[in-house]
N, C-alpha and C. Protein backbone atom coordinates (compact mmCIF):
# COMPACT_ATOMS: atom_id res chain seq x y z
N MET A 1 -5.97 -5.67 19.73
CA MET A 1 -7.37 -5.62 20.07
C MET A 1 -8.15 -5.16 18.85
N GLU A 2 -9.25 -5.75 18.63
CA GLU A 2 -10.10 -5.46 17.48
C GLU A 2 -10.86 -4.15 17.70
N VAL A 3 -11.08 -3.39 16.63
CA VAL A 3 -11.75 -2.11 16.72
C VAL A 3 -13.15 -2.26 17.29
N GLU A 4 -13.87 -3.27 16.86
CA GLU A 4 -15.24 -3.45 17.34
C GLU A 4 -15.26 -3.69 18.86
N THR A 5 -14.28 -4.40 19.38
CA THR A 5 -14.18 -4.65 20.82
C THR A 5 -13.95 -3.34 21.57
N VAL A 6 -13.07 -2.50 21.04
CA VAL A 6 -12.80 -1.21 21.65
C VAL A 6 -14.05 -0.34 21.61
N TYR A 7 -14.74 -0.34 20.47
CA TYR A 7 -15.96 0.45 20.32
C TYR A 7 -17.01 0.01 21.34
N GLN A 8 -17.19 -1.30 21.51
CA GLN A 8 -18.18 -1.81 22.45
C GLN A 8 -17.82 -1.44 23.89
N ALA A 9 -16.54 -1.51 24.23
CA ALA A 9 -16.10 -1.12 25.57
C ALA A 9 -16.37 0.36 25.80
N TRP A 10 -16.12 1.16 24.78
CA TRP A 10 -16.35 2.60 24.84
C TRP A 10 -17.83 2.87 25.08
N GLN A 11 -18.71 2.13 24.44
CA GLN A 11 -20.14 2.32 24.60
C GLN A 11 -20.64 1.91 25.99
N ARG A 12 -20.00 0.93 26.60
CA ARG A 12 -20.40 0.47 27.94
C ARG A 12 -20.05 1.48 29.02
N ASP A 13 -19.03 2.29 28.81
CA ASP A 13 -18.59 3.26 29.81
C ASP A 13 -18.96 4.65 29.32
N PRO A 14 -20.13 5.15 29.74
CA PRO A 14 -20.59 6.44 29.21
C PRO A 14 -19.66 7.59 29.58
N TRP A 15 -19.59 8.56 28.68
CA TRP A 15 -18.74 9.73 28.88
C TRP A 15 -19.59 10.89 29.40
N ASP A 16 -20.41 10.62 30.40
CA ASP A 16 -21.33 11.64 30.86
C ASP A 16 -20.85 12.41 32.09
N ASP A 17 -19.69 12.08 32.62
CA ASP A 17 -19.14 12.78 33.77
C ASP A 17 -18.05 13.73 33.28
N PRO A 18 -18.35 15.04 33.22
CA PRO A 18 -17.36 15.99 32.69
C PRO A 18 -16.11 16.11 33.55
N LEU A 19 -16.17 15.65 34.80
CA LEU A 19 -15.01 15.72 35.68
C LEU A 19 -14.12 14.50 35.57
N LYS A 20 -14.58 13.47 34.88
CA LYS A 20 -13.81 12.24 34.72
C LYS A 20 -13.15 12.25 33.34
N PRO A 21 -11.84 12.47 33.29
CA PRO A 21 -11.18 12.52 31.98
C PRO A 21 -11.14 11.14 31.33
N VAL A 22 -11.28 11.13 30.02
CA VAL A 22 -11.16 9.89 29.26
C VAL A 22 -9.76 9.90 28.64
N ILE A 23 -8.97 8.91 29.03
CA ILE A 23 -7.58 8.83 28.56
C ILE A 23 -7.40 7.53 27.81
N ILE A 24 -6.88 7.62 26.60
CA ILE A 24 -6.62 6.44 25.77
C ILE A 24 -5.12 6.36 25.56
N ASP A 25 -4.51 5.32 26.09
CA ASP A 25 -3.06 5.13 25.98
C ASP A 25 -2.78 4.18 24.82
N ILE A 26 -2.18 4.72 23.76
CA ILE A 26 -1.85 3.91 22.59
C ILE A 26 -0.35 3.65 22.50
N THR A 27 0.36 3.81 23.59
CA THR A 27 1.82 3.68 23.60
C THR A 27 2.29 2.36 23.02
N LEU A 28 1.60 1.27 23.28
CA LEU A 28 2.04 -0.04 22.79
C LEU A 28 1.55 -0.36 21.38
N ILE A 29 0.79 0.54 20.78
CA ILE A 29 0.28 0.33 19.42
C ILE A 29 1.38 0.70 18.43
N THR A 30 1.64 -0.20 17.49
CA THR A 30 2.67 0.07 16.48
C THR A 30 2.08 0.35 15.11
N GLU A 31 0.84 -0.04 14.90
CA GLU A 31 0.16 0.29 13.64
C GLU A 31 -1.34 0.24 13.90
N VAL A 32 -2.07 0.95 13.06
CA VAL A 32 -3.52 1.01 13.21
C VAL A 32 -4.14 0.99 11.82
N GLU A 33 -5.21 0.23 11.68
CA GLU A 33 -5.88 0.16 10.38
C GLU A 33 -6.93 1.28 10.29
N GLU A 34 -7.57 1.37 9.15
CA GLU A 34 -8.47 2.47 8.83
C GLU A 34 -9.59 2.66 9.86
N HIS A 35 -10.24 1.59 10.26
CA HIS A 35 -11.35 1.71 11.21
C HIS A 35 -10.84 2.09 12.60
N GLY A 36 -9.71 1.56 12.98
CA GLY A 36 -9.13 1.92 14.27
C GLY A 36 -8.76 3.39 14.33
N ARG A 37 -8.18 3.87 13.25
CA ARG A 37 -7.81 5.29 13.17
C ARG A 37 -9.07 6.16 13.26
N ALA A 38 -10.12 5.77 12.55
CA ALA A 38 -11.37 6.54 12.57
C ALA A 38 -11.97 6.58 13.97
N LEU A 39 -11.95 5.45 14.67
CA LEU A 39 -12.48 5.41 16.03
C LEU A 39 -11.67 6.31 16.95
N LEU A 40 -10.36 6.31 16.83
CA LEU A 40 -9.53 7.18 17.66
C LEU A 40 -9.81 8.66 17.37
N VAL A 41 -10.02 8.99 16.10
CA VAL A 41 -10.33 10.38 15.74
C VAL A 41 -11.66 10.79 16.37
N ILE A 42 -12.65 9.92 16.29
CA ILE A 42 -13.96 10.23 16.87
C ILE A 42 -13.84 10.41 18.38
N MET A 43 -13.13 9.50 19.03
CA MET A 43 -12.96 9.61 20.48
C MET A 43 -12.25 10.90 20.85
N ARG A 44 -11.23 11.26 20.08
CA ARG A 44 -10.50 12.50 20.34
C ARG A 44 -11.41 13.71 20.15
N ARG A 45 -12.23 13.69 19.10
CA ARG A 45 -13.16 14.80 18.86
C ARG A 45 -14.18 14.94 19.98
N LEU A 46 -14.46 13.84 20.66
CA LEU A 46 -15.41 13.88 21.77
C LEU A 46 -14.73 14.21 23.10
N GLY A 47 -13.43 14.50 23.05
CA GLY A 47 -12.75 14.99 24.24
C GLY A 47 -11.76 14.05 24.89
N ALA A 48 -11.55 12.87 24.33
CA ALA A 48 -10.59 11.94 24.92
C ALA A 48 -9.17 12.47 24.75
N GLN A 49 -8.35 12.22 25.74
CA GLN A 49 -6.93 12.55 25.65
C GLN A 49 -6.20 11.28 25.20
N ILE A 50 -5.35 11.42 24.21
CA ILE A 50 -4.60 10.28 23.69
C ILE A 50 -3.15 10.40 24.14
N ILE A 51 -2.66 9.33 24.78
CA ILE A 51 -1.27 9.29 25.23
C ILE A 51 -0.51 8.37 24.29
N ALA A 52 0.63 8.83 23.80
CA ALA A 52 1.45 8.06 22.87
C ALA A 52 2.92 8.27 23.23
N ASN A 53 3.48 7.35 24.00
CA ASN A 53 4.83 7.52 24.51
C ASN A 53 5.87 6.64 23.82
N SER A 54 5.67 6.33 22.58
CA SER A 54 6.68 5.62 21.80
C SER A 54 6.77 6.28 20.43
N HIS A 55 7.82 5.99 19.71
CA HIS A 55 7.99 6.58 18.39
C HIS A 55 6.82 6.21 17.47
N GLU A 56 6.46 4.92 17.43
CA GLU A 56 5.39 4.46 16.55
C GLU A 56 4.04 5.05 16.94
N SER A 57 3.73 5.02 18.24
CA SER A 57 2.43 5.54 18.66
C SER A 57 2.35 7.06 18.50
N SER A 58 3.46 7.74 18.67
CA SER A 58 3.48 9.19 18.45
C SER A 58 3.19 9.52 16.99
N ALA A 59 3.74 8.73 16.09
CA ALA A 59 3.47 8.94 14.66
C ALA A 59 1.98 8.71 14.36
N ILE A 60 1.40 7.68 14.98
CA ILE A 60 -0.03 7.42 14.79
C ILE A 60 -0.84 8.59 15.35
N ALA A 61 -0.52 9.03 16.55
CA ALA A 61 -1.25 10.14 17.17
C ALA A 61 -1.17 11.40 16.32
N GLN A 62 -0.02 11.65 15.73
CA GLN A 62 0.14 12.84 14.88
C GLN A 62 -0.79 12.79 13.68
N THR A 63 -0.97 11.60 13.10
CA THR A 63 -1.87 11.49 11.94
C THR A 63 -3.32 11.69 12.35
N LEU A 64 -3.66 11.45 13.61
CA LEU A 64 -5.03 11.68 14.06
C LEU A 64 -5.38 13.16 14.00
N ILE A 65 -4.37 13.97 14.15
CA ILE A 65 -4.58 15.42 14.13
C ILE A 65 -4.63 15.95 12.70
N THR A 66 -3.85 15.35 11.80
CA THR A 66 -3.69 15.91 10.46
C THR A 66 -4.50 15.23 9.37
N GLU A 67 -4.93 13.98 9.55
CA GLU A 67 -5.64 13.27 8.50
C GLU A 67 -7.14 13.38 8.67
N PRO A 68 -7.88 13.66 7.58
CA PRO A 68 -9.34 13.62 7.66
C PRO A 68 -9.80 12.16 7.76
N VAL A 69 -10.95 11.97 8.37
CA VAL A 69 -11.50 10.63 8.50
C VAL A 69 -12.53 10.40 7.40
N GLU A 70 -12.32 9.38 6.62
CA GLU A 70 -13.25 9.01 5.56
C GLU A 70 -13.81 7.62 5.86
N PRO A 71 -15.10 7.42 5.68
CA PRO A 71 -15.64 6.07 5.89
C PRO A 71 -15.05 5.09 4.89
N ALA A 72 -14.94 3.85 5.31
CA ALA A 72 -14.38 2.80 4.45
C ALA A 72 -15.35 2.49 3.32
N ALA A 73 -14.92 2.73 2.09
CA ALA A 73 -15.78 2.49 0.94
C ALA A 73 -15.99 1.01 0.68
N SER A 74 -15.01 0.19 1.00
CA SER A 74 -15.10 -1.22 0.68
C SER A 74 -15.88 -2.03 1.72
N LYS A 75 -16.12 -1.45 2.90
CA LYS A 75 -16.82 -2.19 3.95
C LYS A 75 -17.92 -1.33 4.57
N PRO A 76 -18.96 -1.06 3.81
CA PRO A 76 -20.04 -0.27 4.42
C PRO A 76 -20.71 -1.08 5.52
N GLY A 77 -21.16 -0.43 6.51
CA GLY A 77 -21.81 -1.12 7.61
C GLY A 77 -21.97 -0.19 8.79
N TRP A 78 -22.05 -0.76 9.99
CA TRP A 78 -22.31 0.01 11.20
C TRP A 78 -21.23 1.04 11.46
N PHE A 79 -19.99 0.69 11.18
CA PHE A 79 -18.90 1.60 11.51
C PHE A 79 -18.87 2.78 10.54
N ALA A 80 -19.10 2.53 9.27
CA ALA A 80 -19.14 3.61 8.28
C ALA A 80 -20.29 4.56 8.60
N ARG A 81 -21.42 4.01 9.02
CA ARG A 81 -22.55 4.86 9.39
C ARG A 81 -22.22 5.70 10.63
N LEU A 82 -21.53 5.09 11.59
CA LEU A 82 -21.14 5.82 12.80
C LEU A 82 -20.22 6.99 12.45
N ILE A 83 -19.25 6.74 11.61
CA ILE A 83 -18.32 7.79 11.19
C ILE A 83 -19.09 8.91 10.50
N LYS A 84 -20.01 8.54 9.61
CA LYS A 84 -20.78 9.54 8.88
C LYS A 84 -21.59 10.42 9.83
N ILE A 85 -22.18 9.81 10.85
CA ILE A 85 -22.96 10.57 11.84
C ILE A 85 -22.08 11.62 12.51
N PHE A 86 -20.90 11.20 12.96
CA PHE A 86 -20.03 12.14 13.65
C PHE A 86 -19.46 13.20 12.71
N LEU A 87 -19.13 12.82 11.50
CA LEU A 87 -18.56 13.79 10.57
C LEU A 87 -19.60 14.79 10.10
N ASP A 88 -20.85 14.36 9.97
CA ASP A 88 -21.91 15.28 9.56
C ASP A 88 -22.21 16.32 10.62
N ASP A 89 -21.91 16.00 11.88
CA ASP A 89 -22.14 16.94 12.97
C ASP A 89 -21.06 18.00 13.07
N GLN A 90 -19.93 17.81 12.39
CA GLN A 90 -18.79 18.73 12.51
C GLN A 90 -19.01 19.97 11.71
């Protein structure tokens, strides 16, 4: 699934109900590119729970905790601006 598609789906389903947990299951994900990783970090920082029940997805989830998120220098655009907004608030 493309990062932009995930981002758009995330925007359609508001996270305004504090009693409704947001759960992102990445168990079937075996690799993630820079923008996908950044989106997962942002979602996690906003309170999403990430489930990773495979060796590959667990490794990805672990990097979400330990790696800083940097905007993509080679592809400035809406996603880089979104990352900057969230990182500036931290």
